[in-house]
Amino acid sequence: MSPSPTTRMPRAQRRTQLLELATQVFTRKGYHGTSMDDIAAAAGVTKPVLYQHFDSKVTLYLEVIDIIAVSLLAEVREIGAFEGDTTQRVRYGITRFYELISVQNALRLFTGNESISDEVQERAGAVLDQMAIDLAEVLMAFREMSTEQSRIIGRGLIAATQTTALLLHDAQDDVEREEILEVMSTFMVHGLAGFTPREGTTATGSALGADATSPR
């Protein structure tokens, strides 16, 4: 239960509480669907109390982005500790992002279609770029690429992972989820070359196997 408006907390503790609740409300309702009144009500405080800690909704939103960015980047880097080949790492990364999105839907705050302010867009873009670089460096650890190439590939992987998460969410059962993971992992690692060419077409090459039979 939220504390009553008269409950007094140490300032730092109150600020932490407000940020946590603001994150939940922004994630659930989006930036434009959330008012400072909503956040104050969720915390059980008056709006003037909220403004004692944050001078505007944009300021509060920026701090929420910074806090979530820390956990997202830590999650991406944790994939690097996973033991396995490239395909296994991609599959693990997809699964972990799906779990993160399912529980928190945190990426909505960074990749939503809401137009807020240039400052918010720049902050969110910077976080996504860093996530993309970290993700590409982890998943493509055995490939030579520039920072810009890494950023582009990482952004693509994040977009593909988001799409995969939606497919997993809508899957009917574990069998369908397994098929989604298998197909998307193969595609992310090998592209179309990972699938056997159809007979009678001009496509060349053969399906690639696991990393044991192809470069890591």
N, C-alpha and C. Protein backbone atom coordinates (compact mmCIF):
# COMPACT_ATOMS: atom_id res chain seq x y z
N MET A 1 0.85 -1.19 0.00
CA MET A 1 0.00 0.00 0.00
C MET A 1 0.87 1.24 0.00
N SER A 2 0.49 2.23 -0.77
CA SER A 2 1.28 3.46 -0.83
C SER A 2 1.13 4.22 0.47
N PRO A 3 2.20 4.92 0.90
CA PRO A 3 2.11 5.68 2.12
C PRO A 3 1.14 6.83 1.97
N SER A 4 0.55 7.29 3.07
CA SER A 4 -0.37 8.41 3.04
C SER A 4 0.41 9.69 2.78
N PRO A 5 -0.28 10.74 2.30
CA PRO A 5 0.42 12.00 2.01
C PRO A 5 1.13 12.59 3.20
N THR A 6 0.69 12.20 4.42
CA THR A 6 1.29 12.79 5.61
C THR A 6 2.51 12.02 6.09
N THR A 7 2.74 10.82 5.51
CA THR A 7 3.89 10.04 5.93
C THR A 7 5.17 10.75 5.51
N ARG A 8 6.07 10.94 6.47
CA ARG A 8 7.32 11.64 6.19
C ARG A 8 8.44 10.62 5.96
N MET A 9 9.16 10.80 4.90
CA MET A 9 10.30 9.95 4.58
C MET A 9 11.53 10.83 4.47
N PRO A 10 12.71 10.27 4.72
CA PRO A 10 13.93 11.00 4.40
C PRO A 10 13.91 11.38 2.93
N ARG A 11 14.45 12.54 2.59
CA ARG A 11 14.35 13.06 1.23
C ARG A 11 14.89 12.08 0.19
N ALA A 12 16.04 11.50 0.46
CA ALA A 12 16.65 10.58 -0.51
C ALA A 12 15.76 9.35 -0.72
N GLN A 13 15.19 8.84 0.36
CA GLN A 13 14.32 7.67 0.26
C GLN A 13 13.06 8.01 -0.53
N ARG A 14 12.49 9.19 -0.25
CA ARG A 14 11.29 9.60 -0.97
C ARG A 14 11.59 9.74 -2.46
N ARG A 15 12.74 10.32 -2.79
CA ARG A 15 13.10 10.52 -4.19
C ARG A 15 13.24 9.18 -4.92
N THR A 16 13.88 8.22 -4.25
CA THR A 16 14.02 6.88 -4.83
C THR A 16 12.66 6.26 -5.08
N GLN A 17 11.77 6.41 -4.10
CA GLN A 17 10.42 5.85 -4.24
C GLN A 17 9.69 6.48 -5.41
N LEU A 18 9.79 7.79 -5.54
CA LEU A 18 9.11 8.49 -6.63
C LEU A 18 9.64 8.04 -7.99
N LEU A 19 10.94 7.84 -8.10
CA LEU A 19 11.53 7.38 -9.36
C LEU A 19 11.05 5.97 -9.70
N GLU A 20 11.00 5.10 -8.71
CA GLU A 20 10.54 3.73 -8.95
C GLU A 20 9.10 3.71 -9.42
N LEU A 21 8.24 4.48 -8.76
CA LEU A 21 6.83 4.51 -9.14
C LEU A 21 6.63 5.21 -10.48
N ALA A 22 7.41 6.27 -10.73
CA ALA A 22 7.31 6.95 -12.02
C ALA A 22 7.69 6.00 -13.15
N THR A 23 8.69 5.18 -12.95
CA THR A 23 9.09 4.20 -13.95
C THR A 23 7.95 3.26 -14.28
N GLN A 24 7.27 2.78 -13.26
CA GLN A 24 6.14 1.86 -13.46
C GLN A 24 5.01 2.53 -14.23
N VAL A 25 4.69 3.76 -13.85
CA VAL A 25 3.58 4.46 -14.49
C VAL A 25 3.92 4.83 -15.93
N PHE A 26 5.12 5.36 -16.16
CA PHE A 26 5.54 5.71 -17.52
C PHE A 26 5.55 4.47 -18.43
N THR A 27 6.04 3.36 -17.89
CA THR A 27 6.10 2.13 -18.68
C THR A 27 4.72 1.65 -19.05
N ARG A 28 3.80 1.76 -18.12
CA ARG A 28 2.44 1.27 -18.35
C ARG A 28 1.63 2.19 -19.25
N LYS A 29 1.77 3.49 -19.08
CA LYS A 29 0.88 4.43 -19.75
C LYS A 29 1.55 5.29 -20.81
N GLY A 30 2.89 5.24 -20.88
CA GLY A 30 3.59 6.09 -21.82
C GLY A 30 3.75 7.49 -21.26
N TYR A 31 4.58 8.27 -21.96
CA TYR A 31 4.87 9.62 -21.46
C TYR A 31 3.63 10.51 -21.50
N HIS A 32 2.99 10.59 -22.65
CA HIS A 32 1.86 11.50 -22.80
C HIS A 32 0.63 11.01 -22.03
N GLY A 33 0.54 9.72 -21.79
CA GLY A 33 -0.59 9.20 -21.03
C GLY A 33 -0.42 9.32 -19.53
N THR A 34 0.73 9.79 -19.10
CA THR A 34 1.03 9.92 -17.67
C THR A 34 1.08 11.39 -17.29
N SER A 35 0.44 11.72 -16.19
CA SER A 35 0.50 13.08 -15.65
C SER A 35 1.26 13.07 -14.34
N MET A 36 1.71 14.22 -13.92
CA MET A 36 2.36 14.32 -12.61
C MET A 36 1.37 13.95 -11.51
N ASP A 37 0.10 14.21 -11.74
CA ASP A 37 -0.93 13.81 -10.78
C ASP A 37 -0.95 12.28 -10.62
N ASP A 38 -0.81 11.57 -11.75
CA ASP A 38 -0.80 10.10 -11.71
C ASP A 38 0.34 9.59 -10.83
N ILE A 39 1.51 10.17 -11.03
CA ILE A 39 2.68 9.72 -10.28
C ILE A 39 2.55 10.08 -8.81
N ALA A 40 2.07 11.28 -8.52
CA ALA A 40 1.87 11.69 -7.13
C ALA A 40 0.86 10.77 -6.44
N ALA A 41 -0.21 10.44 -7.16
CA ALA A 41 -1.23 9.55 -6.59
C ALA A 41 -0.67 8.17 -6.31
N ALA A 42 0.15 7.67 -7.25
CA ALA A 42 0.75 6.34 -7.06
C ALA A 42 1.66 6.31 -5.84
N ALA A 43 2.30 7.44 -5.56
CA ALA A 43 3.22 7.52 -4.41
C ALA A 43 2.52 7.92 -3.12
N GLY A 44 1.25 8.33 -3.25
CA GLY A 44 0.53 8.75 -2.06
C GLY A 44 1.00 10.08 -1.52
N VAL A 45 1.44 10.97 -2.44
CA VAL A 45 1.88 12.31 -2.03
C VAL A 45 1.10 13.35 -2.83
N THR A 46 1.21 14.59 -2.43
CA THR A 46 0.59 15.66 -3.19
C THR A 46 1.52 16.07 -4.33
N LYS A 47 0.95 16.71 -5.35
CA LYS A 47 1.77 17.14 -6.49
C LYS A 47 2.86 18.13 -6.07
N PRO A 48 2.59 19.05 -5.15
CA PRO A 48 3.68 19.95 -4.71
C PRO A 48 4.87 19.19 -4.13
N VAL A 49 4.61 18.08 -3.44
CA VAL A 49 5.71 17.27 -2.92
C VAL A 49 6.52 16.71 -4.08
N LEU A 50 5.84 16.25 -5.10
CA LEU A 50 6.53 15.70 -6.28
C LEU A 50 7.41 16.77 -6.93
N TYR A 51 6.89 17.98 -7.02
CA TYR A 51 7.66 19.07 -7.64
C TYR A 51 8.82 19.55 -6.77
N GLN A 52 8.82 19.17 -5.51
CA GLN A 52 9.98 19.47 -4.67
C GLN A 52 11.20 18.67 -5.10
N HIS A 53 10.96 17.53 -5.73
CA HIS A 53 12.04 16.64 -6.16
C HIS A 53 12.34 16.78 -7.66
N PHE A 54 11.34 17.08 -8.47
CA PHE A 54 11.52 17.15 -9.93
C PHE A 54 10.76 18.37 -10.44
N ASP A 55 11.45 19.24 -11.15
CA ASP A 55 10.81 20.50 -11.53
C ASP A 55 9.90 20.40 -12.74
N SER A 56 9.92 19.23 -13.44
CA SER A 56 9.01 19.04 -14.57
C SER A 56 8.89 17.56 -14.88
N LYS A 57 7.89 17.23 -15.68
CA LYS A 57 7.71 15.84 -16.09
C LYS A 57 8.87 15.38 -16.97
N VAL A 58 9.36 16.28 -17.82
CA VAL A 58 10.50 15.92 -18.68
C VAL A 58 11.72 15.60 -17.84
N THR A 59 11.99 16.40 -16.83
CA THR A 59 13.14 16.16 -15.94
C THR A 59 13.01 14.79 -15.28
N LEU A 60 11.82 14.49 -14.80
CA LEU A 60 11.58 13.19 -14.16
C LEU A 60 11.77 12.06 -15.17
N TYR A 61 11.26 12.24 -16.36
CA TYR A 61 11.37 11.21 -17.39
C TYR A 61 12.83 10.93 -17.76
N LEU A 62 13.63 11.99 -17.85
CA LEU A 62 15.04 11.83 -18.17
C LEU A 62 15.76 11.02 -17.10
N GLU A 63 15.41 11.25 -15.85
CA GLU A 63 16.04 10.49 -14.78
C GLU A 63 15.61 9.03 -14.81
N VAL A 64 14.35 8.79 -15.17
CA VAL A 64 13.87 7.42 -15.31
C VAL A 64 14.64 6.70 -16.41
N ILE A 65 14.85 7.38 -17.53
CA ILE A 65 15.62 6.80 -18.64
C ILE A 65 17.03 6.43 -18.18
N ASP A 66 17.67 7.33 -17.43
CA ASP A 66 19.04 7.07 -16.97
C ASP A 66 19.09 5.85 -16.06
N ILE A 67 18.09 5.70 -15.19
CA ILE A 67 18.07 4.57 -14.25
C ILE A 67 17.86 3.26 -15.00
N ILE A 68 16.90 3.24 -15.92
CA ILE A 68 16.63 2.02 -16.68
C ILE A 68 17.82 1.67 -17.57
N ALA A 69 18.49 2.69 -18.09
CA ALA A 69 19.64 2.45 -18.96
C ALA A 69 20.71 1.63 -18.25
N VAL A 70 20.92 1.90 -16.98
CA VAL A 70 21.94 1.17 -16.21
C VAL A 70 21.62 -0.32 -16.20
N SER A 71 20.35 -0.66 -15.92
CA SER A 71 19.98 -2.08 -15.84
C SER A 71 19.99 -2.73 -17.22
N LEU A 72 19.57 -2.00 -18.25
CA LEU A 72 19.57 -2.56 -19.60
C LEU A 72 20.98 -2.84 -20.09
N LEU A 73 21.88 -1.90 -19.87
CA LEU A 73 23.26 -2.09 -20.31
C LEU A 73 23.93 -3.23 -19.54
N ALA A 74 23.61 -3.34 -18.24
CA ALA A 74 24.16 -4.44 -17.45
C ALA A 74 23.65 -5.78 -17.98
N GLU A 75 22.39 -5.80 -18.40
CA GLU A 75 21.79 -7.02 -18.94
C GLU A 75 22.48 -7.42 -20.23
N VAL A 76 22.75 -6.45 -21.09
CA VAL A 76 23.42 -6.74 -22.36
C VAL A 76 24.82 -7.30 -22.10
N ARG A 77 25.55 -6.64 -21.21
CA ARG A 77 26.93 -7.08 -20.95
C ARG A 77 26.99 -8.45 -20.28
N GLU A 78 25.93 -8.79 -19.57
CA GLU A 78 25.89 -10.10 -18.90
C GLU A 78 25.88 -11.23 -19.92
N ILE A 79 25.36 -10.95 -21.12
CA ILE A 79 25.34 -11.97 -22.16
C ILE A 79 26.76 -12.42 -22.48
N GLY A 80 27.73 -11.50 -22.31
CA GLY A 80 29.11 -11.83 -22.59
C GLY A 80 29.67 -12.93 -21.70
N ALA A 81 29.05 -13.11 -20.54
CA ALA A 81 29.51 -14.15 -19.62
C ALA A 81 28.95 -15.52 -19.99
N PHE A 82 28.03 -15.55 -20.94
CA PHE A 82 27.42 -16.82 -21.32
C PHE A 82 28.39 -17.64 -22.15
N GLU A 83 28.57 -18.89 -21.76
CA GLU A 83 29.47 -19.80 -22.48
C GLU A 83 28.73 -20.45 -23.64
N GLY A 84 29.23 -20.25 -24.84
CA GLY A 84 28.59 -20.87 -25.99
C GLY A 84 29.06 -20.23 -27.28
N ASP A 85 28.68 -20.82 -28.40
CA ASP A 85 29.07 -20.27 -29.69
C ASP A 85 28.15 -19.10 -30.05
N THR A 86 28.35 -18.53 -31.22
CA THR A 86 27.60 -17.35 -31.61
C THR A 86 26.11 -17.60 -31.64
N THR A 87 25.69 -18.71 -32.24
CA THR A 87 24.27 -19.02 -32.33
C THR A 87 23.66 -19.17 -30.95
N GLN A 88 24.36 -19.86 -30.06
CA GLN A 88 23.86 -20.04 -28.71
C GLN A 88 23.77 -18.71 -27.96
N ARG A 89 24.74 -17.83 -28.19
CA ARG A 89 24.71 -16.52 -27.54
C ARG A 89 23.53 -15.69 -28.04
N VAL A 90 23.30 -15.74 -29.34
CA VAL A 90 22.17 -15.00 -29.90
C VAL A 90 20.87 -15.52 -29.30
N ARG A 91 20.73 -16.83 -29.24
CA ARG A 91 19.51 -17.43 -28.69
C ARG A 91 19.34 -17.03 -27.22
N TYR A 92 20.43 -17.07 -26.48
CA TYR A 92 20.38 -16.67 -25.07
C TYR A 92 20.00 -15.19 -24.95
N GLY A 93 20.60 -14.36 -25.82
CA GLY A 93 20.31 -12.93 -25.78
C GLY A 93 18.85 -12.65 -26.08
N ILE A 94 18.29 -13.33 -27.08
CA ILE A 94 16.87 -13.15 -27.41
C ILE A 94 16.00 -13.51 -26.21
N THR A 95 16.31 -14.65 -25.60
CA THR A 95 15.52 -15.11 -24.46
C THR A 95 15.58 -14.13 -23.30
N ARG A 96 16.78 -13.63 -22.99
CA ARG A 96 16.93 -12.69 -21.87
C ARG A 96 16.19 -11.38 -22.15
N PHE A 97 16.27 -10.88 -23.39
CA PHE A 97 15.54 -9.66 -23.72
C PHE A 97 14.04 -9.88 -23.65
N TYR A 98 13.59 -11.04 -24.10
CA TYR A 98 12.16 -11.36 -24.01
C TYR A 98 11.70 -11.34 -22.56
N GLU A 99 12.50 -11.94 -21.68
CA GLU A 99 12.15 -11.96 -20.27
C GLU A 99 12.12 -10.54 -19.70
N LEU A 100 13.09 -9.74 -20.08
CA LEU A 100 13.16 -8.36 -19.59
C LEU A 100 11.95 -7.56 -20.08
N ILE A 101 11.64 -7.68 -21.35
CA ILE A 101 10.52 -6.93 -21.91
C ILE A 101 9.21 -7.41 -21.32
N SER A 102 9.07 -8.71 -21.11
CA SER A 102 7.83 -9.25 -20.58
C SER A 102 7.57 -8.75 -19.17
N VAL A 103 8.62 -8.66 -18.37
CA VAL A 103 8.47 -8.27 -16.98
C VAL A 103 8.34 -6.76 -16.83
N GLN A 104 9.18 -6.01 -17.51
CA GLN A 104 9.23 -4.57 -17.31
C GLN A 104 8.77 -3.73 -18.50
N ASN A 105 8.80 -4.33 -19.69
CA ASN A 105 8.54 -3.56 -20.92
C ASN A 105 9.40 -2.30 -20.96
N ALA A 106 10.62 -2.42 -20.44
CA ALA A 106 11.47 -1.25 -20.27
C ALA A 106 11.85 -0.59 -21.59
N LEU A 107 11.99 -1.37 -22.65
CA LEU A 107 12.43 -0.78 -23.92
C LEU A 107 11.40 0.16 -24.51
N ARG A 108 10.16 0.08 -24.03
CA ARG A 108 9.13 0.99 -24.53
C ARG A 108 9.53 2.45 -24.31
N LEU A 109 10.21 2.71 -23.21
CA LEU A 109 10.59 4.08 -22.90
C LEU A 109 11.65 4.61 -23.85
N PHE A 110 12.35 3.69 -24.53
CA PHE A 110 13.43 4.12 -25.43
C PHE A 110 13.03 4.04 -26.90
N THR A 111 12.12 3.16 -27.22
CA THR A 111 11.82 2.91 -28.62
C THR A 111 10.37 3.16 -28.99
N GLY A 112 9.63 3.82 -28.11
CA GLY A 112 8.24 4.14 -28.41
C GLY A 112 8.15 5.20 -29.51
N ASN A 113 6.95 5.45 -29.98
CA ASN A 113 6.76 6.40 -31.07
C ASN A 113 6.37 7.79 -30.56
N GLU A 114 6.43 7.99 -29.25
CA GLU A 114 6.04 9.27 -28.71
C GLU A 114 7.09 10.35 -29.00
N SER A 115 6.63 11.50 -29.42
CA SER A 115 7.52 12.64 -29.61
C SER A 115 7.45 13.49 -28.35
N ILE A 116 8.57 13.63 -27.66
CA ILE A 116 8.56 14.31 -26.36
C ILE A 116 9.35 15.60 -26.43
N SER A 117 10.65 15.48 -26.54
CA SER A 117 11.51 16.66 -26.66
C SER A 117 12.82 16.22 -27.29
N ASP A 118 13.56 17.18 -27.83
CA ASP A 118 14.85 16.85 -28.44
C ASP A 118 15.80 16.25 -27.40
N GLU A 119 15.75 16.77 -26.18
CA GLU A 119 16.64 16.27 -25.14
C GLU A 119 16.35 14.82 -24.81
N VAL A 120 15.06 14.48 -24.71
CA VAL A 120 14.67 13.10 -24.42
C VAL A 120 15.09 12.19 -25.57
N GLN A 121 14.84 12.62 -26.80
CA GLN A 121 15.19 11.80 -27.96
C GLN A 121 16.70 11.58 -28.04
N GLU A 122 17.47 12.60 -27.74
CA GLU A 122 18.92 12.46 -27.77
C GLU A 122 19.41 11.52 -26.68
N ARG A 123 18.82 11.64 -25.47
CA ARG A 123 19.23 10.77 -24.37
C ARG A 123 18.88 9.32 -24.68
N ALA A 124 17.66 9.09 -25.15
CA ALA A 124 17.23 7.74 -25.48
C ALA A 124 18.07 7.17 -26.62
N GLY A 125 18.35 8.00 -27.62
CA GLY A 125 19.17 7.54 -28.74
C GLY A 125 20.57 7.17 -28.31
N ALA A 126 21.14 7.94 -27.39
CA ALA A 126 22.49 7.64 -26.90
C ALA A 126 22.52 6.30 -26.17
N VAL A 127 21.47 6.04 -25.39
CA VAL A 127 21.40 4.76 -24.67
C VAL A 127 21.27 3.60 -25.65
N LEU A 128 20.40 3.76 -26.65
CA LEU A 128 20.23 2.70 -27.64
C LEU A 128 21.51 2.45 -28.42
N ASP A 129 22.23 3.51 -28.74
CA ASP A 129 23.50 3.34 -29.45
C ASP A 129 24.50 2.57 -28.60
N GLN A 130 24.58 2.89 -27.32
CA GLN A 130 25.50 2.18 -26.44
C GLN A 130 25.08 0.73 -26.28
N MET A 131 23.76 0.50 -26.15
CA MET A 131 23.25 -0.88 -26.08
C MET A 131 23.61 -1.63 -27.34
N ALA A 132 23.44 -0.96 -28.49
CA ALA A 132 23.71 -1.60 -29.77
C ALA A 132 25.18 -2.00 -29.89
N ILE A 133 26.08 -1.08 -29.49
CA ILE A 133 27.51 -1.37 -29.54
C ILE A 133 27.86 -2.52 -28.61
N ASP A 134 27.34 -2.47 -27.38
CA ASP A 134 27.63 -3.52 -26.41
C ASP A 134 27.09 -4.87 -26.89
N LEU A 135 25.86 -4.85 -27.43
CA LEU A 135 25.25 -6.09 -27.89
C LEU A 135 26.02 -6.69 -29.05
N ALA A 136 26.40 -5.85 -30.01
CA ALA A 136 27.15 -6.36 -31.16
C ALA A 136 28.50 -6.89 -30.73
N GLU A 137 29.16 -6.21 -29.80
CA GLU A 137 30.48 -6.66 -29.34
C GLU A 137 30.38 -8.00 -28.63
N VAL A 138 29.28 -8.20 -27.90
CA VAL A 138 29.10 -9.47 -27.19
C VAL A 138 28.78 -10.59 -28.16
N LEU A 139 27.78 -10.37 -29.01
CA LEU A 139 27.31 -11.44 -29.88
C LEU A 139 28.25 -11.71 -31.05
N MET A 140 28.99 -10.69 -31.47
CA MET A 140 29.88 -10.84 -32.61
C MET A 140 31.33 -10.76 -32.16
N ALA A 141 31.61 -11.33 -30.99
CA ALA A 141 32.93 -11.18 -30.37
C ALA A 141 34.06 -11.73 -31.23
N PHE A 142 33.73 -12.61 -32.18
CA PHE A 142 34.77 -13.23 -32.99
C PHE A 142 34.80 -12.64 -34.41
N ARG A 143 34.18 -11.47 -34.57
CA ARG A 143 34.16 -10.82 -35.87
C ARG A 143 34.90 -9.49 -35.81
N GLU A 144 35.61 -9.13 -36.86
CA GLU A 144 36.27 -7.84 -36.95
C GLU A 144 35.27 -6.82 -37.48
N MET A 145 35.07 -5.71 -36.76
CA MET A 145 34.17 -4.67 -37.23
C MET A 145 34.51 -3.35 -36.56
N SER A 146 34.17 -2.28 -37.24
CA SER A 146 34.42 -0.95 -36.69
C SER A 146 33.33 -0.61 -35.67
N THR A 147 33.54 0.46 -34.91
CA THR A 147 32.53 0.90 -33.94
C THR A 147 31.23 1.24 -34.64
N GLU A 148 31.31 1.90 -35.78
CA GLU A 148 30.09 2.26 -36.51
C GLU A 148 29.38 1.03 -37.04
N GLN A 149 30.14 0.07 -37.56
CA GLN A 149 29.53 -1.18 -38.00
C GLN A 149 28.87 -1.89 -36.83
N SER A 150 29.56 -1.88 -35.69
CA SER A 150 29.03 -2.51 -34.49
C SER A 150 27.72 -1.86 -34.07
N ARG A 151 27.66 -0.52 -34.13
CA ARG A 151 26.45 0.19 -33.73
C ARG A 151 25.29 -0.15 -34.65
N ILE A 152 25.55 -0.17 -35.96
CA ILE A 152 24.49 -0.47 -36.93
C ILE A 152 23.96 -1.89 -36.73
N ILE A 153 24.88 -2.85 -36.60
CA ILE A 153 24.48 -4.24 -36.41
C ILE A 153 23.71 -4.40 -35.10
N GLY A 154 24.21 -3.75 -34.05
CA GLY A 154 23.54 -3.85 -32.75
C GLY A 154 22.14 -3.30 -32.79
N ARG A 155 21.96 -2.15 -33.46
CA ARG A 155 20.62 -1.56 -33.59
C ARG A 155 19.69 -2.54 -34.31
N GLY A 156 20.21 -3.15 -35.37
CA GLY A 156 19.42 -4.12 -36.10
C GLY A 156 19.04 -5.31 -35.24
N LEU A 157 20.00 -5.78 -34.43
CA LEU A 157 19.73 -6.91 -33.54
C LEU A 157 18.69 -6.55 -32.49
N ILE A 158 18.76 -5.32 -31.96
CA ILE A 158 17.77 -4.90 -30.98
C ILE A 158 16.38 -4.87 -31.59
N ALA A 159 16.28 -4.32 -32.80
CA ALA A 159 14.98 -4.27 -33.48
C ALA A 159 14.44 -5.68 -33.73
N ALA A 160 15.33 -6.58 -34.20
CA ALA A 160 14.91 -7.95 -34.46
C ALA A 160 14.52 -8.65 -33.17
N THR A 161 15.23 -8.35 -32.09
CA THR A 161 14.93 -8.96 -30.80
C THR A 161 13.57 -8.49 -30.29
N GLN A 162 13.26 -7.22 -30.49
CA GLN A 162 11.95 -6.71 -30.08
C GLN A 162 10.83 -7.41 -30.84
N THR A 163 11.03 -7.57 -32.16
CA THR A 163 10.03 -8.26 -32.97
C THR A 163 9.87 -9.70 -32.50
N THR A 164 10.99 -10.35 -32.22
CA THR A 164 10.95 -11.73 -31.74
C THR A 164 10.21 -11.83 -30.41
N ALA A 165 10.44 -10.86 -29.53
CA ALA A 165 9.76 -10.86 -28.23
C ALA A 165 8.25 -10.79 -28.41
N LEU A 166 7.79 -10.00 -29.38
CA LEU A 166 6.35 -9.91 -29.64
C LEU A 166 5.81 -11.24 -30.16
N LEU A 167 6.58 -11.88 -31.03
CA LEU A 167 6.16 -13.19 -31.54
C LEU A 167 6.10 -14.22 -30.41
N LEU A 168 7.10 -14.20 -29.53
CA LEU A 168 7.11 -15.14 -28.40
C LEU A 168 5.93 -14.89 -27.47
N HIS A 169 5.60 -13.61 -27.29
CA HIS A 169 4.48 -13.26 -26.41
C HIS A 169 3.16 -13.81 -26.96
N ASP A 170 3.03 -13.80 -28.29
CA ASP A 170 1.78 -14.22 -28.92
C ASP A 170 1.75 -15.72 -29.23
N ALA A 171 2.86 -16.42 -29.00
CA ALA A 171 2.93 -17.85 -29.31
C ALA A 171 1.90 -18.64 -28.50
N GLN A 172 1.38 -19.69 -29.12
CA GLN A 172 0.34 -20.49 -28.48
C GLN A 172 0.89 -21.45 -27.43
N ASP A 173 2.10 -21.94 -27.64
CA ASP A 173 2.64 -22.93 -26.70
C ASP A 173 4.16 -22.96 -26.81
N ASP A 174 4.79 -23.84 -26.01
CA ASP A 174 6.24 -23.94 -25.99
C ASP A 174 6.81 -24.42 -27.31
N VAL A 175 6.06 -25.26 -28.01
CA VAL A 175 6.53 -25.76 -29.31
C VAL A 175 6.67 -24.61 -30.29
N GLU A 176 5.68 -23.73 -30.33
CA GLU A 176 5.75 -22.58 -31.23
C GLU A 176 6.86 -21.62 -30.81
N ARG A 177 7.03 -21.43 -29.49
CA ARG A 177 8.10 -20.56 -29.01
C ARG A 177 9.47 -21.11 -29.39
N GLU A 178 9.63 -22.43 -29.31
CA GLU A 178 10.90 -23.07 -29.68
C GLU A 178 11.20 -22.84 -31.16
N GLU A 179 10.18 -22.95 -32.00
CA GLU A 179 10.35 -22.73 -33.44
C GLU A 179 10.74 -21.28 -33.72
N ILE A 180 10.13 -20.34 -33.02
CA ILE A 180 10.45 -18.92 -33.19
C ILE A 180 11.90 -18.66 -32.82
N LEU A 181 12.33 -19.19 -31.68
CA LEU A 181 13.71 -19.00 -31.24
C LEU A 181 14.70 -19.60 -32.23
N GLU A 182 14.37 -20.79 -32.74
CA GLU A 182 15.26 -21.47 -33.67
C GLU A 182 15.39 -20.68 -34.97
N VAL A 183 14.27 -20.26 -35.52
CA VAL A 183 14.27 -19.53 -36.80
C VAL A 183 14.99 -18.19 -36.66
N MET A 184 14.66 -17.43 -35.62
CA MET A 184 15.25 -16.09 -35.48
C MET A 184 16.74 -16.16 -35.13
N SER A 185 17.14 -17.14 -34.34
CA SER A 185 18.56 -17.30 -34.02
C SER A 185 19.34 -17.62 -35.28
N THR A 186 18.81 -18.53 -36.10
CA THR A 186 19.48 -18.88 -37.35
C THR A 186 19.57 -17.66 -38.27
N PHE A 187 18.49 -16.92 -38.37
CA PHE A 187 18.48 -15.76 -39.27
C PHE A 187 19.43 -14.67 -38.80
N MET A 188 19.47 -14.40 -37.50
CA MET A 188 20.34 -13.36 -36.99
C MET A 188 21.82 -13.70 -37.20
N VAL A 189 22.16 -14.96 -37.07
CA VAL A 189 23.56 -15.35 -37.20
C VAL A 189 23.96 -15.56 -38.66
N HIS A 190 23.13 -16.25 -39.43
CA HIS A 190 23.52 -16.64 -40.79
C HIS A 190 22.76 -15.91 -41.89
N GLY A 191 21.72 -15.17 -41.56
CA GLY A 191 20.92 -14.53 -42.59
C GLY A 191 20.20 -15.59 -43.43
N LEU A 192 19.86 -15.24 -44.66
CA LEU A 192 19.16 -16.19 -45.53
C LEU A 192 20.03 -17.38 -45.91
N ALA A 193 21.36 -17.21 -45.80
CA ALA A 193 22.26 -18.31 -46.14
C ALA A 193 22.14 -19.45 -45.14
N GLY A 194 21.47 -19.21 -44.03
CA GLY A 194 21.29 -20.25 -43.03
C GLY A 194 20.20 -21.25 -43.39
N PHE A 195 19.47 -20.96 -44.48
CA PHE A 195 18.38 -21.84 -44.88
C PHE A 195 18.70 -22.44 -46.25
N THR A 196 18.32 -23.70 -46.45
CA THR A 196 18.63 -24.43 -47.68
C THR A 196 17.98 -23.77 -48.89
N PRO A 197 18.74 -23.52 -49.98
CA PRO A 197 18.15 -22.93 -51.20
C PRO A 197 17.07 -23.84 -51.77
N ARG A 198 16.01 -23.24 -52.28
CA ARG A 198 14.93 -24.01 -52.90
C ARG A 198 15.39 -24.52 -54.27
N GLU A 199 15.08 -25.76 -54.55
CA GLU A 199 15.46 -26.34 -55.84
C GLU A 199 14.77 -25.61 -56.98
N GLY A 200 15.50 -25.46 -58.08
CA GLY A 200 14.92 -24.84 -59.26
C GLY A 200 15.00 -23.32 -59.26
N THR A 201 15.68 -22.76 -58.24
CA THR A 201 15.84 -21.31 -58.20
C THR A 201 17.29 -20.97 -58.50
N THR A 202 17.56 -19.67 -58.63
CA THR A 202 18.93 -19.24 -58.92
C THR A 202 19.75 -19.05 -57.66
N ALA A 203 19.14 -19.30 -56.48
CA ALA A 203 19.88 -19.15 -55.23
C ALA A 203 20.99 -20.17 -55.16
N THR A 204 22.14 -19.77 -54.67
CA THR A 204 23.28 -20.68 -54.54
C THR A 204 23.67 -20.79 -53.09
N GLY A 205 24.54 -21.75 -52.81
CA GLY A 205 25.00 -21.94 -51.45
C GLY A 205 24.14 -22.97 -50.74
N SER A 206 24.59 -23.37 -49.57
CA SER A 206 23.85 -24.38 -48.81
C SER A 206 23.63 -23.88 -47.40
N ALA A 207 22.72 -24.54 -46.72
CA ALA A 207 22.40 -24.14 -45.35
C ALA A 207 23.62 -24.28 -44.47
N LEU A 208 23.83 -23.32 -43.60
CA LEU A 208 24.96 -23.36 -42.67
C LEU A 208 24.55 -24.07 -41.39
N GLY A 209 25.49 -24.80 -40.85
CA GLY A 209 25.21 -25.47 -39.60
C GLY A 209 25.59 -24.61 -38.42
N ALA A 210 25.85 -25.24 -37.30
CA ALA A 210 26.25 -24.53 -36.10
C ALA A 210 27.67 -24.01 -36.29
N ASP A 211 28.16 -23.30 -35.28
CA ASP A 211 29.48 -22.67 -35.42
C ASP A 211 30.60 -23.70 -35.56
N ALA A 212 30.31 -24.94 -35.22
CA ALA A 212 31.34 -25.97 -35.35
C ALA A 212 31.70 -26.18 -36.83
N THR A 213 30.77 -25.83 -37.73
CA THR A 213 31.03 -26.03 -39.17
C THR A 213 31.13 -24.74 -39.92
N SER A 214 31.14 -23.62 -39.22
CA SER A 214 31.29 -22.32 -39.86
C SER A 214 32.08 -21.41 -38.94
N PRO A 215 32.67 -20.33 -39.45
CA PRO A 215 33.47 -19.45 -38.62
C PRO A 215 32.65 -18.89 -37.47
N ARG A 216 33.29 -18.75 -36.31
CA ARG A 216 32.59 -18.21 -35.16
C ARG A 216 32.42 -16.71 -35.33
